[in-house]
Amino acid sequence: NCTSCHGSSRKSGGVSLDSYSSMTAGSTVVPGDAAGSLRVRVIESGLMPRGGSRLSDGDLQVIRDWVDGGALDN
């Protein structure tokens, strides 16, 4: 859902999500705090994916759980 616009060949808006380090760069992901993570809030709001279908509740919960669990590189 994300890497077609934010992958290795296309970094829309300067955002790349093709690696752990690029996904957690800056302060858009706050490990342990999904509610405080800009990246999560943008997805929850429906702003992303732009022009595509919203993520399912299950997919969004996976992202929340990952961030709340510390955003580990696993």
Protein backbone atom coordinates (compact mmCIF):
# COMPACT_ATOMS: atom_id res chain seq x y z
CA ASN A 1 0.00 0.00 0.00
CA CYS A 2 2.82 2.43 0.74
CA THR A 3 5.89 1.51 -1.25
CA SER A 4 4.37 2.13 -4.67
CA CYS A 5 4.72 5.86 -3.84
CA HIS A 6 7.28 5.71 -1.02
CA GLY A 7 9.64 2.96 -2.15
CA SER A 8 13.20 2.69 -3.42
CA SER A 9 12.43 3.96 -6.92
CA ARG A 10 9.88 6.61 -5.96
CA LYS A 11 10.09 8.78 -2.87
CA SER A 12 6.93 10.86 -3.11
CA GLY A 13 7.15 13.91 -0.88
CA GLY A 14 10.72 12.91 -0.03
CA VAL A 15 9.44 9.99 2.07
CA SER A 16 10.91 6.53 1.62
CA LEU A 17 9.58 3.47 3.43
CA ASP A 18 11.78 0.86 1.77
CA SER A 19 13.97 0.16 4.79
CA TYR A 20 13.72 0.18 8.55
CA SER A 21 16.09 3.13 8.87
CA SER A 22 14.18 5.24 6.36
CA MET A 23 10.83 4.26 7.87
CA THR A 24 11.88 5.38 11.35
CA ALA A 25 13.93 8.44 10.33
CA GLY A 26 13.03 11.74 11.90
CA SER A 27 10.31 11.92 14.48
CA THR A 28 7.39 10.53 12.46
CA VAL A 29 7.45 7.25 14.39
CA VAL A 30 7.62 7.43 18.18
CA PRO A 31 8.52 3.93 19.41
CA GLY A 32 6.03 2.83 22.05
CA ASP A 33 3.52 5.58 21.16
CA ALA A 34 1.38 4.95 18.09
CA ALA A 35 -1.03 7.75 19.07
CA GLY A 36 1.90 10.19 19.20
CA SER A 37 3.40 9.05 15.89
CA LEU A 38 2.76 11.33 12.94
CA ARG A 39 3.06 8.46 10.47
CA VAL A 40 0.26 6.54 12.22
CA ARG A 41 -1.96 9.61 12.53
CA VAL A 42 -1.61 10.39 8.82
CA ILE A 43 -2.70 6.86 7.92
CA GLU A 44 -5.56 6.89 10.45
CA SER A 45 -6.84 10.22 9.14
CA GLY A 46 -7.19 8.85 5.62
CA LEU A 47 -4.66 11.31 4.17
CA MET A 48 -2.61 8.28 3.16
CA PRO A 49 -2.60 6.39 1.00
CA ARG A 50 -3.37 9.34 -1.22
CA GLY A 51 -5.53 8.29 -4.15
CA GLY A 52 -5.77 4.73 -2.89
CA SER A 53 -7.99 2.69 -0.67
CA ARG A 54 -7.73 3.22 3.07
CA LEU A 55 -5.90 0.54 4.95
CA SER A 56 -8.11 -2.08 6.51
CA ASP A 57 -8.71 -1.90 10.25
CA GLY A 58 -6.58 -5.03 10.59
CA ASP A 59 -3.65 -3.57 8.66
CA LEU A 60 -3.85 -0.35 10.63
CA GLN A 61 -3.87 -2.32 13.87
CA VAL A 62 -0.71 -4.17 12.79
CA ILE A 63 1.03 -0.80 12.35
CA ARG A 64 -0.27 0.50 15.70
CA ASP A 65 0.84 -2.68 17.47
CA TRP A 66 4.30 -2.50 15.88
CA VAL A 67 4.80 1.11 16.97
CA ASP A 68 3.30 0.53 20.44
CA GLY A 69 5.59 -2.50 20.79
CA GLY A 70 8.65 -0.31 20.29
CA ALA A 71 8.88 -0.17 16.47
CA LEU A 72 11.47 -2.93 16.53
CA ASP A 73 13.57 -3.87 13.51
CA ASN A 74 12.25 -7.41 13.29
